[in-house]
Structure formats: C-alpha cells, structure tokens
Amino acid sequence: MATAPGTLFHFEIERSQDQSDGALTTIICHGRVVSETASQLKEAVKPLIPLGGRIVLDLTDVSYVDSSGLGTLVGLKVSALKEGYIKLELLNLSPRVKELLRLSNLTQLFSS
C-alpha cells in the first residue's frame, strides 16, 4: 500500500499484462529512497517477487538514493534473480542515480 503523499517517499502500484512476459507490475516511486524510507520500497516489492512476471521500478520522480536505498535496490534485484522466473527492472533513472550505479559497479547487475 502506498504511503501518504508529502512524506519522504511514496509510491503507486499499477498491474497489467505484458504480451511477452505475462504479469507486469509497475511501481511508480516518488521522493527519496534513503535509510528512513528504503524499507517501504522493500515491503512493497518483496511480496511481488514470488508471483513471477515482470516488476518495473519507475524512478522518474525519485530525487535521491543513498547507500541504504541502493542496498535495498540490490537486495530486491538479487531476490528476483534467485527466483529465476521474474524480471526486476529500473526505469527512468536520474543522471545522479545512473552515476551512483556506475560508481558502485552495479550498472551490469541492473542491465540483466
């Protein structure tokens, strides 16, 4: 469930069907993915992973990601890879988040 707008982080979940991958869940994120808010993202995504299909984290409106937020994104991606039959993708990364992934040598992880 999304948190109230105006907080550090909130999101909306949209579900649909994708022709090639089946179930498609898009989580549209807003605000900052930081130590205080990373658990909200994890609690939203983690239960979706065993359902299979494709999960897209739309980060268009994410203004900042700290090390805890990055750790949460990595943990979710690793969980999705372990399941094997689900794809977890990041969409619309800001230049700052792209640079963070590059500096952390995580660009390749999120391109798979």
N, C-alpha and C. Protein backbone atom coordinates (compact mmCIF):
# COMPACT_ATOMS: atom_id res chain seq x y z
N MET A 1 0.84 -1.17 0.00
CA MET A 1 0.00 0.00 0.00
C MET A 1 0.89 1.23 0.00
N ALA A 2 0.50 2.25 -0.73
CA ALA A 2 1.28 3.47 -0.83
C ALA A 2 1.16 4.29 0.44
N THR A 3 2.21 5.05 0.70
CA THR A 3 2.16 5.96 1.83
C THR A 3 1.56 7.28 1.38
N ALA A 4 1.19 8.10 2.34
CA ALA A 4 0.55 9.38 2.03
C ALA A 4 1.52 10.31 1.31
N PRO A 5 1.04 11.00 0.26
CA PRO A 5 1.88 11.99 -0.40
C PRO A 5 2.35 13.03 0.62
N GLY A 6 3.51 13.61 0.35
CA GLY A 6 4.03 14.60 1.26
C GLY A 6 5.07 14.02 2.21
N THR A 7 5.15 12.69 2.28
CA THR A 7 6.19 12.07 3.09
C THR A 7 7.46 11.99 2.25
N LEU A 8 8.53 11.52 2.84
CA LEU A 8 9.79 11.42 2.13
C LEU A 8 9.70 10.51 0.90
N PHE A 9 8.87 9.49 0.99
CA PHE A 9 8.76 8.52 -0.09
C PHE A 9 7.33 8.01 -0.17
N HIS A 10 6.82 7.88 -1.37
CA HIS A 10 5.54 7.22 -1.58
C HIS A 10 5.55 6.60 -2.98
N PHE A 11 4.55 5.77 -3.24
CA PHE A 11 4.53 5.04 -4.50
C PHE A 11 3.10 4.66 -4.86
N GLU A 12 2.93 4.34 -6.14
CA GLU A 12 1.69 3.74 -6.62
C GLU A 12 2.06 2.45 -7.34
N ILE A 13 1.17 1.48 -7.26
CA ILE A 13 1.39 0.20 -7.93
C ILE A 13 0.35 0.05 -9.03
N GLU A 14 0.83 -0.22 -10.23
CA GLU A 14 -0.04 -0.47 -11.37
C GLU A 14 0.22 -1.88 -11.89
N ARG A 15 -0.85 -2.63 -12.08
CA ARG A 15 -0.71 -4.01 -12.59
C ARG A 15 -1.36 -4.12 -13.95
N SER A 16 -0.71 -4.87 -14.83
CA SER A 16 -1.24 -5.09 -16.17
C SER A 16 -0.65 -6.38 -16.72
N GLN A 17 -0.96 -6.68 -17.94
CA GLN A 17 -0.41 -7.86 -18.62
C GLN A 17 0.50 -7.39 -19.73
N ASP A 18 1.63 -8.01 -19.88
CA ASP A 18 2.59 -7.73 -20.92
C ASP A 18 2.53 -8.91 -21.90
N GLN A 19 2.51 -8.61 -23.19
CA GLN A 19 2.39 -9.65 -24.21
C GLN A 19 3.47 -10.73 -24.09
N SER A 20 4.71 -10.32 -23.83
CA SER A 20 5.80 -11.29 -23.84
C SER A 20 6.12 -11.88 -22.47
N ASP A 21 5.93 -11.11 -21.40
CA ASP A 21 6.35 -11.56 -20.07
C ASP A 21 5.20 -11.90 -19.13
N GLY A 22 3.97 -11.79 -19.56
CA GLY A 22 2.85 -12.08 -18.67
C GLY A 22 2.56 -10.91 -17.75
N ALA A 23 2.49 -11.17 -16.46
CA ALA A 23 2.13 -10.15 -15.48
C ALA A 23 3.20 -9.06 -15.45
N LEU A 24 2.73 -7.82 -15.47
CA LEU A 24 3.60 -6.66 -15.38
C LEU A 24 3.14 -5.81 -14.22
N THR A 25 4.03 -5.56 -13.26
CA THR A 25 3.73 -4.69 -12.13
C THR A 25 4.68 -3.52 -12.18
N THR A 26 4.13 -2.32 -12.26
CA THR A 26 4.95 -1.11 -12.27
C THR A 26 4.75 -0.40 -10.94
N ILE A 27 5.85 -0.11 -10.29
CA ILE A 27 5.81 0.63 -9.03
C ILE A 27 6.40 2.00 -9.32
N ILE A 28 5.54 3.00 -9.28
CA ILE A 28 5.94 4.37 -9.58
C ILE A 28 6.34 5.03 -8.26
N CYS A 29 7.62 5.33 -8.15
CA CYS A 29 8.20 5.82 -6.90
C CYS A 29 8.34 7.34 -6.93
N HIS A 30 8.15 7.94 -5.77
CA HIS A 30 8.25 9.40 -5.62
C HIS A 30 9.05 9.71 -4.37
N GLY A 31 9.91 10.70 -4.45
CA GLY A 31 10.62 11.16 -3.27
C GLY A 31 12.04 10.65 -3.21
N ARG A 32 12.44 10.22 -2.01
CA ARG A 32 13.81 9.82 -1.74
C ARG A 32 13.85 8.38 -1.22
N VAL A 33 14.73 7.58 -1.80
CA VAL A 33 14.92 6.21 -1.33
C VAL A 33 16.18 6.26 -0.45
N VAL A 34 15.95 6.45 0.83
CA VAL A 34 17.04 6.64 1.80
C VAL A 34 16.82 5.72 2.99
N SER A 35 17.71 5.76 3.94
CA SER A 35 17.64 4.83 5.08
C SER A 35 16.28 4.87 5.77
N GLU A 36 15.67 6.03 5.87
CA GLU A 36 14.37 6.14 6.55
C GLU A 36 13.21 5.57 5.73
N THR A 37 13.40 5.44 4.41
CA THR A 37 12.28 5.05 3.55
C THR A 37 12.49 3.76 2.77
N ALA A 38 13.72 3.25 2.75
CA ALA A 38 14.03 2.07 1.92
C ALA A 38 13.18 0.87 2.30
N SER A 39 12.85 0.74 3.58
CA SER A 39 12.04 -0.42 3.99
C SER A 39 10.64 -0.38 3.38
N GLN A 40 10.11 0.81 3.11
CA GLN A 40 8.79 0.91 2.47
C GLN A 40 8.83 0.30 1.07
N LEU A 41 9.89 0.60 0.34
CA LEU A 41 10.04 0.04 -1.01
C LEU A 41 10.20 -1.47 -0.93
N LYS A 42 11.02 -1.94 -0.01
CA LYS A 42 11.23 -3.38 0.15
C LYS A 42 9.93 -4.09 0.49
N GLU A 43 9.15 -3.52 1.41
CA GLU A 43 7.88 -4.13 1.81
C GLU A 43 6.87 -4.17 0.67
N ALA A 44 6.97 -3.23 -0.26
CA ALA A 44 6.07 -3.21 -1.42
C ALA A 44 6.47 -4.25 -2.47
N VAL A 45 7.77 -4.39 -2.70
CA VAL A 45 8.25 -5.22 -3.81
C VAL A 45 8.43 -6.68 -3.42
N LYS A 46 8.98 -6.94 -2.26
CA LYS A 46 9.34 -8.31 -1.85
C LYS A 46 8.19 -9.31 -2.03
N PRO A 47 6.95 -9.00 -1.61
CA PRO A 47 5.87 -9.98 -1.79
C PRO A 47 5.49 -10.23 -3.26
N LEU A 48 5.88 -9.33 -4.15
CA LEU A 48 5.54 -9.48 -5.57
C LEU A 48 6.49 -10.44 -6.29
N ILE A 49 7.68 -10.61 -5.76
CA ILE A 49 8.70 -11.40 -6.44
C ILE A 49 8.27 -12.86 -6.65
N PRO A 50 7.72 -13.55 -5.65
CA PRO A 50 7.33 -14.94 -5.89
C PRO A 50 6.18 -15.11 -6.89
N LEU A 51 5.50 -14.04 -7.23
CA LEU A 51 4.37 -14.12 -8.16
C LEU A 51 4.82 -14.25 -9.62
N GLY A 52 6.09 -13.97 -9.89
CA GLY A 52 6.61 -14.09 -11.24
C GLY A 52 6.24 -12.89 -12.10
N GLY A 53 6.58 -12.97 -13.38
CA GLY A 53 6.30 -11.89 -14.30
C GLY A 53 7.42 -10.88 -14.34
N ARG A 54 7.04 -9.64 -14.41
CA ARG A 54 8.00 -8.55 -14.55
C ARG A 54 7.63 -7.42 -13.59
N ILE A 55 8.60 -6.92 -12.86
CA ILE A 55 8.41 -5.79 -11.95
C ILE A 55 9.29 -4.65 -12.46
N VAL A 56 8.68 -3.50 -12.65
CA VAL A 56 9.40 -2.32 -13.10
C VAL A 56 9.32 -1.28 -12.00
N LEU A 57 10.47 -0.81 -11.54
CA LEU A 57 10.52 0.29 -10.58
C LEU A 57 10.75 1.56 -11.38
N ASP A 58 9.72 2.39 -11.49
CA ASP A 58 9.81 3.65 -12.22
C ASP A 58 10.33 4.71 -11.26
N LEU A 59 11.56 5.15 -11.49
CA LEU A 59 12.22 6.09 -10.59
C LEU A 59 12.22 7.51 -11.15
N THR A 60 11.30 7.82 -12.05
CA THR A 60 11.23 9.14 -12.66
C THR A 60 11.22 10.25 -11.62
N ASP A 61 10.43 10.07 -10.57
CA ASP A 61 10.23 11.11 -9.57
C ASP A 61 11.04 10.85 -8.29
N VAL A 62 12.11 10.06 -8.39
CA VAL A 62 12.97 9.82 -7.24
C VAL A 62 14.11 10.83 -7.31
N SER A 63 14.20 11.67 -6.30
CA SER A 63 15.17 12.75 -6.31
C SER A 63 16.51 12.35 -5.72
N TYR A 64 16.54 11.27 -4.91
CA TYR A 64 17.78 10.93 -4.22
C TYR A 64 17.75 9.48 -3.77
N VAL A 65 18.89 8.82 -3.89
CA VAL A 65 19.07 7.46 -3.39
C VAL A 65 20.37 7.45 -2.58
N ASP A 66 20.30 7.02 -1.32
CA ASP A 66 21.52 6.91 -0.52
C ASP A 66 21.99 5.46 -0.50
N SER A 67 23.01 5.17 0.31
CA SER A 67 23.56 3.81 0.33
C SER A 67 22.55 2.78 0.81
N SER A 68 21.68 3.14 1.74
CA SER A 68 20.65 2.21 2.19
C SER A 68 19.64 1.94 1.09
N GLY A 69 19.27 2.97 0.36
CA GLY A 69 18.36 2.80 -0.77
C GLY A 69 18.98 1.95 -1.85
N LEU A 70 20.26 2.18 -2.12
CA LEU A 70 20.97 1.38 -3.11
C LEU A 70 21.03 -0.08 -2.66
N GLY A 71 21.30 -0.29 -1.38
CA GLY A 71 21.33 -1.65 -0.84
C GLY A 71 19.99 -2.35 -0.99
N THR A 72 18.91 -1.60 -0.79
CA THR A 72 17.57 -2.17 -0.96
C THR A 72 17.33 -2.55 -2.42
N LEU A 73 17.71 -1.69 -3.35
CA LEU A 73 17.54 -2.00 -4.77
C LEU A 73 18.34 -3.24 -5.15
N VAL A 74 19.56 -3.33 -4.66
CA VAL A 74 20.40 -4.50 -4.95
C VAL A 74 19.78 -5.76 -4.35
N GLY A 75 19.34 -5.68 -3.10
CA GLY A 75 18.72 -6.83 -2.45
C GLY A 75 17.48 -7.32 -3.20
N LEU A 76 16.67 -6.39 -3.68
CA LEU A 76 15.47 -6.77 -4.44
C LEU A 76 15.85 -7.41 -5.77
N LYS A 77 16.86 -6.87 -6.43
CA LYS A 77 17.31 -7.44 -7.70
C LYS A 77 17.86 -8.85 -7.49
N VAL A 78 18.66 -9.03 -6.45
CA VAL A 78 19.23 -10.36 -6.16
C VAL A 78 18.10 -11.35 -5.84
N SER A 79 17.11 -10.91 -5.07
CA SER A 79 15.97 -11.79 -4.77
C SER A 79 15.24 -12.19 -6.04
N ALA A 80 15.06 -11.24 -6.95
CA ALA A 80 14.40 -11.54 -8.22
C ALA A 80 15.23 -12.51 -9.05
N LEU A 81 16.54 -12.32 -9.08
CA LEU A 81 17.41 -13.22 -9.84
C LEU A 81 17.38 -14.63 -9.27
N LYS A 82 17.31 -14.74 -7.96
CA LYS A 82 17.25 -16.07 -7.32
C LYS A 82 15.97 -16.80 -7.67
N GLU A 83 14.86 -16.07 -7.80
CA GLU A 83 13.60 -16.70 -8.18
C GLU A 83 13.69 -17.27 -9.59
N GLY A 84 14.41 -16.58 -10.46
CA GLY A 84 14.66 -17.09 -11.80
C GLY A 84 13.59 -16.81 -12.83
N TYR A 85 12.34 -16.73 -12.44
CA TYR A 85 11.27 -16.56 -13.42
C TYR A 85 10.63 -15.18 -13.32
N ILE A 86 11.36 -14.25 -12.79
CA ILE A 86 10.86 -12.88 -12.68
C ILE A 86 11.95 -11.92 -13.11
N LYS A 87 11.54 -10.81 -13.71
CA LYS A 87 12.46 -9.75 -14.07
C LYS A 87 12.15 -8.55 -13.19
N LEU A 88 13.20 -7.93 -12.66
CA LEU A 88 13.05 -6.69 -11.92
C LEU A 88 13.92 -5.66 -12.62
N GLU A 89 13.27 -4.58 -13.08
CA GLU A 89 13.98 -3.57 -13.86
C GLU A 89 13.82 -2.20 -13.23
N LEU A 90 14.83 -1.36 -13.46
CA LEU A 90 14.76 0.04 -13.06
C LEU A 90 14.49 0.86 -14.31
N LEU A 91 13.60 1.83 -14.20
CA LEU A 91 13.19 2.64 -15.34
C LEU A 91 13.34 4.11 -14.99
N ASN A 92 13.76 4.91 -15.97
CA ASN A 92 13.82 6.37 -15.83
C ASN A 92 14.71 6.82 -14.68
N LEU A 93 15.94 6.35 -14.70
CA LEU A 93 16.90 6.73 -13.67
C LEU A 93 17.38 8.16 -13.92
N SER A 94 17.52 8.91 -12.84
CA SER A 94 18.09 10.25 -12.96
C SER A 94 19.59 10.11 -13.25
N PRO A 95 20.20 11.16 -13.80
CA PRO A 95 21.65 11.09 -14.04
C PRO A 95 22.42 10.78 -12.75
N ARG A 96 21.97 11.28 -11.63
CA ARG A 96 22.66 11.05 -10.36
C ARG A 96 22.59 9.57 -9.96
N VAL A 97 21.43 8.94 -10.12
CA VAL A 97 21.28 7.53 -9.77
C VAL A 97 22.08 6.66 -10.76
N LYS A 98 22.07 7.02 -12.03
CA LYS A 98 22.90 6.29 -13.01
C LYS A 98 24.37 6.35 -12.61
N GLU A 99 24.81 7.52 -12.20
CA GLU A 99 26.20 7.68 -11.79
C GLU A 99 26.50 6.88 -10.53
N LEU A 100 25.56 6.85 -9.60
CA LEU A 100 25.72 6.05 -8.37
C LEU A 100 25.89 4.57 -8.72
N LEU A 101 25.07 4.07 -9.63
CA LEU A 101 25.20 2.68 -10.07
C LEU A 101 26.55 2.43 -10.74
N ARG A 102 26.98 3.39 -11.55
CA ARG A 102 28.26 3.24 -12.24
C ARG A 102 29.42 3.22 -11.24
N LEU A 103 29.41 4.17 -10.31
CA LEU A 103 30.49 4.24 -9.32
C LEU A 103 30.52 3.02 -8.41
N SER A 104 29.37 2.41 -8.21
CA SER A 104 29.27 1.22 -7.35
C SER A 104 29.47 -0.07 -8.13
N ASN A 105 29.78 0.05 -9.42
CA ASN A 105 29.95 -1.11 -10.30
C ASN A 105 28.71 -1.99 -10.33
N LEU A 106 27.53 -1.37 -10.30
CA LEU A 106 26.27 -2.12 -10.30
C LEU A 106 25.48 -1.95 -11.60
N THR A 107 26.01 -1.20 -12.53
CA THR A 107 25.30 -0.99 -13.80
C THR A 107 24.98 -2.31 -14.48
N GLN A 108 25.96 -3.22 -14.51
CA GLN A 108 25.76 -4.52 -15.16
C GLN A 108 24.67 -5.34 -14.47
N LEU A 109 24.63 -5.31 -13.15
CA LEU A 109 23.62 -6.06 -12.40
C LEU A 109 22.22 -5.64 -12.83
N PHE A 110 22.00 -4.35 -12.98
CA PHE A 110 20.66 -3.86 -13.29
C PHE A 110 20.36 -3.87 -14.79
N SER A 111 21.34 -4.19 -15.60
CA SER A 111 21.06 -4.30 -17.03
C SER A 111 20.67 -5.71 -17.42
N SER A 112 20.73 -6.65 -16.46
CA SER A 112 20.37 -8.05 -16.77
C SER A 112 18.91 -8.31 -16.46
